[in-house]
Amino acid sequence: PQWGQWPGQGAMGGGESSWQQQPPPYEDSGGRGRGGRRGSHHGSGYQQHQEFDWNDDAVHQQDEPPDRDVPVFLEPAIEEFVPVPKALLGKVIGKQAQTIIEIREKSGAFKVDARDQSSDPCMVKVAGTAEAVKKAKALIMEMVNSTKVKHTGSDYVEIPRAKIGMVIGLKGAQVNEIQNQTGTKIDVDFESDPCKCFIKGEPGNVDRAKKVLLTIAMQIEDDNSEYIDLPKATSGALIGAQGSRVREFQDLSGARIDVDKTGPRCRVRLTGQPSQIAHAKQLIMAEVESNSNKPPPPALSGPNPNLQTMVIPAHQPTSFPATLSESIARAKA
């Protein structure tokens, strides 16, 4: 076409141009394209082509939505560590990590990692923007400090850390039983040694709970119980795997059995009716006697008369062949 003409158009101003017959995409009813500019024939065709080339790839790339949402971090991510006592780490993690998930959601931190429990205090890793990390650290420390503050003014007893398992029991069964029997709330602080067992409730119930805790830990003796001192080596057989043997003796006798193996000897406490205590004592002594009559394991060193000396025939070589030819010669022999 001539200068200033559109394809399919004669001289300037005559006929309908192909551009007018086929309006560009995204044009509104007023003939305005993107940006609100109205298409016009004024100016050169070259300029018109630059302004209204709607088939241009760059235009379509801008209009097309992205394939997927891509997160954009406007601030650089940082990483810091928060020291948390190992005894309180469970409160920070929560059941099925629900507390950690809440900390991430409230703070905006994309990582709160409490898997490293190799030290005490444990170092909880927090990562995200500076503001998110600051919020996450504040939430964690608030949780740790609230646990310490809530015991202010509470009565407590001290139990050596080596004996605290006797008070708590398997999966907390023992301490839950004490709480139900005394009508108190017991919270154990493992951070120090001896551990502190904080007790909340009515004054009379608190005194009862304190006595029960100290009695079970064998810090004090109960007049209604009987105690047996046994060799320390028998404690493993008496207790059994995860206390299975003791529970079996308790079920058979009806007596309560507590075992303290932290001292130089194994100390056993029996509680119940006189007949129950006698039955439990009989079961325990029979178990101890059966283990003491077992033959000791064979010695690892020293001559054994039952073993015969192996005699190697004279023609049998006593060393490995040094070369390939020697190996072939031995094989032929």
Protein backbone atom coordinates (compact mmCIF):
# COMPACT_ATOMS: atom_id res chain seq x y z
CA PRO A 1 0.00 0.00 0.00
CA GLN A 2 0.94 3.61 -0.47
CA TRP A 3 2.19 5.74 2.38
CA GLY A 4 -0.62 6.42 4.84
CA GLN A 5 -2.87 3.67 3.48
CA TRP A 6 -4.16 0.58 5.21
CA PRO A 7 -4.42 -2.81 3.55
CA GLY A 8 -7.63 -3.05 1.57
CA GLN A 9 -7.97 0.77 1.42
CA GLY A 10 -7.50 3.13 -1.46
CA ALA A 11 -6.39 6.67 -1.02
CA MET A 12 -6.40 8.21 2.47
CA GLY A 13 -9.96 8.70 3.69
CA GLY A 14 -11.65 6.38 1.17
CA GLY A 15 -13.27 3.01 1.96
CA GLU A 16 -13.17 0.94 5.13
CA SER A 17 -9.86 -0.31 6.41
CA SER A 18 -9.35 -3.88 7.48
CA TRP A 19 -8.53 -2.57 10.94
CA GLN A 20 -11.95 -0.93 11.23
CA GLN A 21 -13.70 -4.06 9.98
CA GLN A 22 -11.83 -6.22 12.50
CA PRO A 23 -11.56 -4.29 15.76
CA PRO A 24 -8.66 -5.24 17.99
CA PRO A 25 -9.30 -7.53 20.97
CA TYR A 26 -10.17 -5.97 24.35
CA GLU A 27 -11.59 -2.89 22.56
CA ASP A 28 -14.59 -1.33 24.26
CA SER A 29 -17.69 -0.02 22.55
CA GLY A 30 -16.12 3.41 22.19
CA GLY A 31 -13.32 2.05 20.08
CA ARG A 32 -10.83 2.43 22.86
CA GLY A 33 -8.13 -0.16 23.29
CA ARG A 34 -6.03 -0.92 26.37
CA GLY A 35 -5.15 2.24 28.20
CA GLY A 36 -8.27 4.06 27.01
CA ARG A 37 -6.76 5.26 23.69
CA ARG A 38 -9.09 5.48 20.69
CA GLY A 39 -7.86 3.97 17.43
CA SER A 40 -7.37 6.56 14.71
CA HIS A 41 -6.15 6.81 11.14
CA HIS A 42 -4.27 10.00 11.82
CA GLY A 43 -0.55 9.71 11.54
CA SER A 44 1.49 7.28 9.51
CA GLY A 45 0.61 3.66 9.04
CA TYR A 46 3.90 2.73 10.67
CA GLN A 47 2.93 4.53 13.86
CA GLN A 48 -0.52 2.95 13.78
CA HIS A 49 1.08 -0.48 13.48
CA GLN A 50 3.25 0.16 16.52
CA GLU A 51 0.40 1.33 18.71
CA PHE A 52 -2.28 -1.21 17.75
CA ASP A 53 -0.49 -4.39 16.81
CA TRP A 54 -2.71 -6.59 19.03
CA ASN A 55 -1.11 -9.76 17.69
CA ASP A 56 2.15 -8.79 19.34
CA ASP A 57 3.41 -11.62 21.60
CA ALA A 58 4.42 -9.26 24.38
CA VAL A 59 0.86 -7.96 24.69
CA HIS A 60 -0.59 -11.47 25.02
CA GLN A 61 2.07 -12.53 27.53
CA GLN A 62 1.09 -9.64 29.78
CA ASP A 63 -2.62 -10.48 29.54
CA GLU A 64 -2.27 -14.22 30.20
CA PRO A 65 -2.45 -15.27 33.90
CA PRO A 66 0.60 -17.03 35.40
CA ASP A 67 0.64 -20.82 35.44
CA ARG A 68 0.78 -20.99 39.26
CA ASP A 69 1.05 -18.77 42.30
CA VAL A 70 4.67 -17.93 43.01
CA PRO A 71 5.49 -16.60 46.51
CA VAL A 72 7.41 -13.36 46.50
CA PHE A 73 9.60 -12.55 49.50
CA LEU A 74 10.05 -8.84 49.79
CA GLU A 75 12.53 -9.16 52.66
CA PRO A 76 15.53 -11.46 53.03
CA ALA A 77 15.02 -14.49 55.28
CA ILE A 78 17.04 -14.88 58.47
CA GLU A 79 17.55 -17.80 60.84
CA GLU A 80 17.88 -17.68 64.63
CA PHE A 81 17.81 -20.14 67.56
CA VAL A 82 15.75 -20.03 70.75
CA PRO A 83 16.99 -21.99 73.82
CA VAL A 84 14.19 -24.03 75.41
CA PRO A 85 14.69 -26.33 78.44
CA LYS A 86 14.27 -29.94 77.37
CA ALA A 87 11.66 -30.48 80.08
CA LEU A 88 9.47 -27.76 78.49
CA LEU A 89 10.06 -28.69 74.87
CA GLY A 90 6.90 -30.80 74.78
CA LYS A 91 4.82 -27.72 75.61
CA VAL A 92 6.40 -25.84 72.69
CA ILE A 93 5.82 -28.71 70.25
CA GLY A 94 2.31 -29.60 71.41
CA LYS A 95 0.26 -32.67 70.63
CA GLN A 96 0.97 -33.76 67.05
CA ALA A 97 3.01 -30.52 66.63
CA GLN A 98 -0.15 -28.38 66.86
CA THR A 99 1.55 -25.71 69.00
CA ILE A 100 4.42 -25.31 66.53
CA ILE A 101 1.90 -24.99 63.69
CA GLU A 102 0.08 -22.23 65.61
CA ILE A 103 3.37 -20.40 66.24
CA ARG A 104 4.15 -20.45 62.51
CA GLU A 105 0.68 -19.20 61.59
CA LYS A 106 0.62 -16.39 64.16
CA SER A 107 4.16 -15.17 63.50
CA GLY A 108 4.45 -15.73 59.75
CA ALA A 109 7.72 -17.66 60.15
CA PHE A 110 8.04 -20.40 57.55
CA LYS A 111 10.15 -22.66 59.81
CA VAL A 112 9.97 -23.53 63.52
CA ASP A 113 12.12 -26.64 63.98
CA ALA A 114 12.42 -28.36 67.38
CA ARG A 115 13.83 -31.69 66.18
CA ASP A 116 17.32 -31.15 67.61
CA GLN A 117 17.07 -32.46 71.19
CA SER A 118 20.72 -33.40 71.61
CA SER A 119 21.41 -30.70 74.20
CA ASP A 120 19.71 -29.14 77.22
CA PRO A 121 18.43 -26.51 76.67
CA CYS A 122 17.32 -27.55 73.18
CA MET A 123 17.92 -25.07 70.38
CA VAL A 124 14.70 -24.39 68.47
CA LYS A 125 15.42 -23.11 64.95
CA VAL A 126 13.25 -20.24 63.67
CA ALA A 127 13.47 -18.93 60.09
CA GLY A 128 11.61 -16.24 58.15
CA THR A 129 11.65 -12.48 57.79
CA ALA A 130 13.12 -10.43 60.63
CA GLU A 131 9.67 -9.43 61.85
CA ALA A 132 8.32 -13.01 61.66
CA VAL A 133 11.32 -14.43 63.54
CA LYS A 134 10.93 -11.77 66.23
CA LYS A 135 7.25 -12.67 66.73
CA ALA A 136 7.96 -16.42 66.79
CA LYS A 137 10.69 -16.00 69.41
CA ALA A 138 8.38 -13.89 71.55
CA LEU A 139 5.63 -16.53 71.37
CA ILE A 140 8.04 -19.31 72.35
CA MET A 141 9.55 -17.41 75.28
CA GLU A 142 6.09 -16.38 76.47
CA MET A 143 5.12 -20.04 76.57
CA VAL A 144 8.27 -21.03 78.48
CA ASN A 145 7.98 -18.18 81.00
CA SER A 146 4.27 -18.80 81.60
CA THR A 147 5.07 -22.36 82.63
CA LYS A 148 7.54 -21.08 85.21
CA VAL A 149 5.33 -18.27 86.49
CA LYS A 150 2.25 -20.43 87.02
CA HIS A 151 4.06 -22.36 89.79
CA THR A 152 4.68 -19.20 91.83
CA GLY A 153 3.23 -19.67 95.28
CA SER A 154 2.48 -23.38 94.75
CA ASP A 155 3.53 -25.98 97.28
CA TYR A 156 5.99 -28.61 96.09
CA VAL A 157 8.15 -31.56 97.08
CA GLU A 158 11.59 -32.39 95.73
CA ILE A 159 12.26 -35.81 94.22
CA PRO A 160 15.71 -36.85 92.95
CA ARG A 161 15.75 -37.04 89.18
CA ALA A 162 16.89 -40.66 89.37
CA LYS A 163 13.65 -41.50 91.21
CA ILE A 164 11.21 -39.29 89.32
CA GLY A 165 10.26 -42.21 87.05
CA MET A 166 8.82 -44.00 90.10
CA VAL A 167 6.50 -41.06 90.71
CA ILE A 168 5.42 -40.57 87.09
CA GLY A 169 5.03 -44.23 86.12
CA LEU A 170 4.60 -45.71 82.67
CA LYS A 171 3.20 -42.99 80.36
CA GLY A 172 2.20 -40.92 83.41
CA ALA A 173 -0.07 -43.61 84.87
CA GLN A 174 1.34 -43.28 88.41
CA VAL A 175 1.09 -39.50 88.75
CA ASN A 176 -2.42 -39.55 87.24
CA GLU A 177 -3.48 -42.09 89.86
CA ILE A 178 -2.08 -39.90 92.65
CA GLN A 179 -3.96 -36.88 91.30
CA ASN A 180 -7.22 -38.82 91.20
CA GLN A 181 -6.76 -40.24 94.70
CA THR A 182 -5.85 -36.92 96.33
CA GLY A 183 -7.93 -34.51 94.23
CA THR A 184 -4.90 -32.39 93.34
CA LYS A 185 -3.08 -31.16 90.24
CA ILE A 186 0.59 -32.19 90.04
CA ASP A 187 3.07 -30.63 87.62
CA VAL A 188 6.69 -31.84 87.52
CA ASP A 189 9.56 -29.48 86.71
CA PHE A 190 12.40 -31.56 85.29
CA GLU A 191 14.75 -28.62 84.81
CA SER A 192 16.54 -29.01 88.15
CA ASP A 193 17.84 -31.95 90.15
CA PRO A 194 16.13 -32.78 92.43
CA CYS A 195 12.98 -32.28 90.37
CA LYS A 196 10.20 -30.17 91.83
CA CYS A 197 6.69 -31.63 91.94
CA PHE A 198 4.31 -28.66 92.23
CA ILE A 199 0.97 -29.47 93.84
CA LYS A 200 -2.24 -27.43 93.64
CA GLY A 201 -5.48 -28.11 95.51
CA GLU A 202 -7.08 -27.86 98.92
CA PRO A 203 -4.52 -27.67 101.76
CA GLY A 204 -5.51 -31.08 103.16
CA ASN A 205 -5.34 -32.71 99.73
CA VAL A 206 -1.97 -31.11 99.04
CA ASP A 207 -0.54 -32.56 102.27
CA ARG A 208 -1.83 -36.01 101.35
CA ALA A 209 -0.34 -35.78 97.86
CA LYS A 210 3.04 -34.70 99.25
CA LYS A 211 3.12 -37.71 101.59
CA VAL A 212 2.16 -40.12 98.79
CA LEU A 213 4.84 -38.73 96.46
CA LEU A 214 7.59 -38.96 99.07
CA THR A 215 6.48 -42.44 100.10
CA ILE A 216 6.46 -43.79 96.54
CA ALA A 217 9.90 -42.27 95.94
CA MET A 218 10.98 -43.90 99.24
CA GLN A 219 12.12 -40.58 100.63
CA ILE A 220 10.14 -41.43 103.76
CA GLU A 221 9.01 -44.78 105.17
CA ASP A 222 5.39 -45.76 105.62
CA ASP A 223 4.44 -47.58 108.83
CA ASN A 224 1.81 -49.59 106.96
CA SER A 225 4.28 -50.90 104.38
CA GLU A 226 6.98 -53.55 104.46
CA TYR A 227 10.41 -53.03 102.95
CA ILE A 228 12.82 -55.60 101.49
CA ASP A 229 16.48 -54.98 100.66
CA LEU A 230 17.80 -57.13 97.81
CA PRO A 231 21.07 -57.31 95.85
CA LYS A 232 21.17 -54.63 93.17
CA ALA A 233 21.82 -57.25 90.47
CA THR A 234 18.33 -58.66 90.98
CA SER A 235 16.52 -55.44 90.13
CA GLY A 236 16.38 -56.10 86.39
CA ALA A 237 14.80 -59.55 86.74
CA LEU A 238 12.42 -58.30 89.43
CA ILE A 239 11.17 -55.30 87.43
CA GLY A 240 11.04 -56.96 84.00
CA ALA A 241 10.73 -55.27 80.62
CA GLN A 242 9.06 -51.87 81.24
CA GLY A 243 7.89 -53.07 84.66
CA SER A 244 6.01 -56.08 83.30
CA ARG A 245 7.24 -58.45 86.01
CA VAL A 246 6.28 -56.12 88.85
CA ARG A 247 2.82 -55.59 87.38
CA GLU A 248 2.39 -59.36 87.15
CA PHE A 249 3.28 -59.78 90.84
CA GLN A 250 0.87 -56.97 91.77
CA ASP A 251 -1.97 -58.62 89.84
CA LEU A 252 -1.30 -62.01 91.44
CA SER A 253 -0.95 -60.76 95.02
CA GLY A 254 -3.15 -57.66 95.10
CA ALA A 255 -0.37 -55.75 96.86
CA ARG A 256 1.28 -52.57 95.61
CA ILE A 257 4.99 -53.01 94.79
CA ASP A 258 7.48 -50.15 94.39
CA VAL A 259 11.13 -50.78 93.48
CA ASP A 260 13.98 -48.32 94.11
CA LYS A 261 17.17 -49.32 92.33
CA THR A 262 18.98 -45.98 92.65
CA GLY A 263 20.89 -46.86 95.83
CA PRO A 264 23.65 -49.39 96.50
CA ARG A 265 20.96 -52.06 97.00
CA CYS A 266 17.57 -52.72 95.45
CA ARG A 267 14.89 -51.58 97.91
CA VAL A 268 11.35 -52.95 97.51
CA ARG A 269 8.25 -51.52 99.21
CA LEU A 270 5.13 -53.65 99.67
CA THR A 271 1.77 -52.08 100.56
CA GLY A 272 -1.63 -53.68 101.13
CA GLN A 273 -3.38 -56.14 103.41
CA PRO A 274 -1.11 -58.44 105.45
CA SER A 275 -2.08 -61.45 103.33
CA GLN A 276 -1.42 -59.53 100.13
CA ILE A 277 1.97 -58.36 101.37
CA ALA A 278 2.91 -61.93 102.37
CA HIS A 279 1.92 -63.27 98.95
CA ALA A 280 3.86 -60.54 97.13
CA LYS A 281 6.93 -61.17 99.28
CA GLN A 282 6.75 -64.90 98.49
CA LEU A 283 6.60 -64.22 94.74
CA ILE A 284 9.53 -61.80 94.90
CA MET A 285 11.78 -64.07 96.94
CA ALA A 286 11.02 -67.02 94.65
CA GLU A 287 11.98 -64.87 91.65
CA VAL A 288 15.22 -63.75 93.31
CA GLU A 289 16.13 -67.33 94.28
CA SER A 290 15.46 -68.68 90.79
CA ASN A 291 17.74 -66.05 89.29
CA SER A 292 20.49 -66.67 91.85
CA ASN A 293 20.52 -70.42 91.00
CA LYS A 294 21.06 -69.84 87.32
CA PRO A 295 24.54 -70.91 86.16
CA PRO A 296 26.87 -68.04 85.32
CA PRO A 297 27.56 -67.37 81.64
CA PRO A 298 30.60 -69.20 80.21
CA ALA A 299 33.92 -67.44 80.51
CA LEU A 300 35.28 -65.84 77.38
CA SER A 301 38.91 -66.63 78.19
CA GLY A 302 40.86 -69.61 79.58
CA PRO A 303 41.11 -73.25 78.48
CA ASN A 304 37.95 -75.27 78.05
CA PRO A 305 38.40 -79.04 78.63
CA ASN A 306 35.35 -79.83 76.51
CA LEU A 307 36.89 -78.33 73.39
CA GLN A 308 39.09 -80.56 71.22
CA THR A 309 42.20 -79.22 69.54
CA MET A 310 41.90 -79.10 65.77
CA VAL A 311 44.73 -80.97 64.03
CA ILE A 312 45.65 -79.74 60.57
CA PRO A 313 46.92 -82.49 58.20
CA ALA A 314 50.52 -82.19 57.08
CA HIS A 315 49.55 -81.90 53.41
CA GLN A 316 47.08 -79.09 54.16
CA PRO A 317 48.69 -75.68 53.61
CA THR A 318 48.45 -73.27 56.53
CA SER A 319 48.85 -70.07 54.56
CA PHE A 320 47.27 -68.38 51.56
CA PRO A 321 49.01 -68.64 48.18
CA ALA A 322 51.17 -65.67 47.42
CA THR A 323 50.93 -65.85 43.61
CA LEU A 324 48.51 -67.09 40.97
CA SER A 325 50.85 -69.89 39.89
CA GLU A 326 51.10 -71.14 43.47
CA SER A 327 47.31 -71.16 43.73
CA ILE A 328 47.02 -73.23 40.51
CA ALA A 329 49.67 -75.66 41.73
CA ARG A 330 47.82 -76.17 45.03
CA ALA A 331 44.57 -76.78 43.18
CA LYS A 332 46.16 -79.48 40.99
CA ALA A 333 47.68 -81.16 44.05
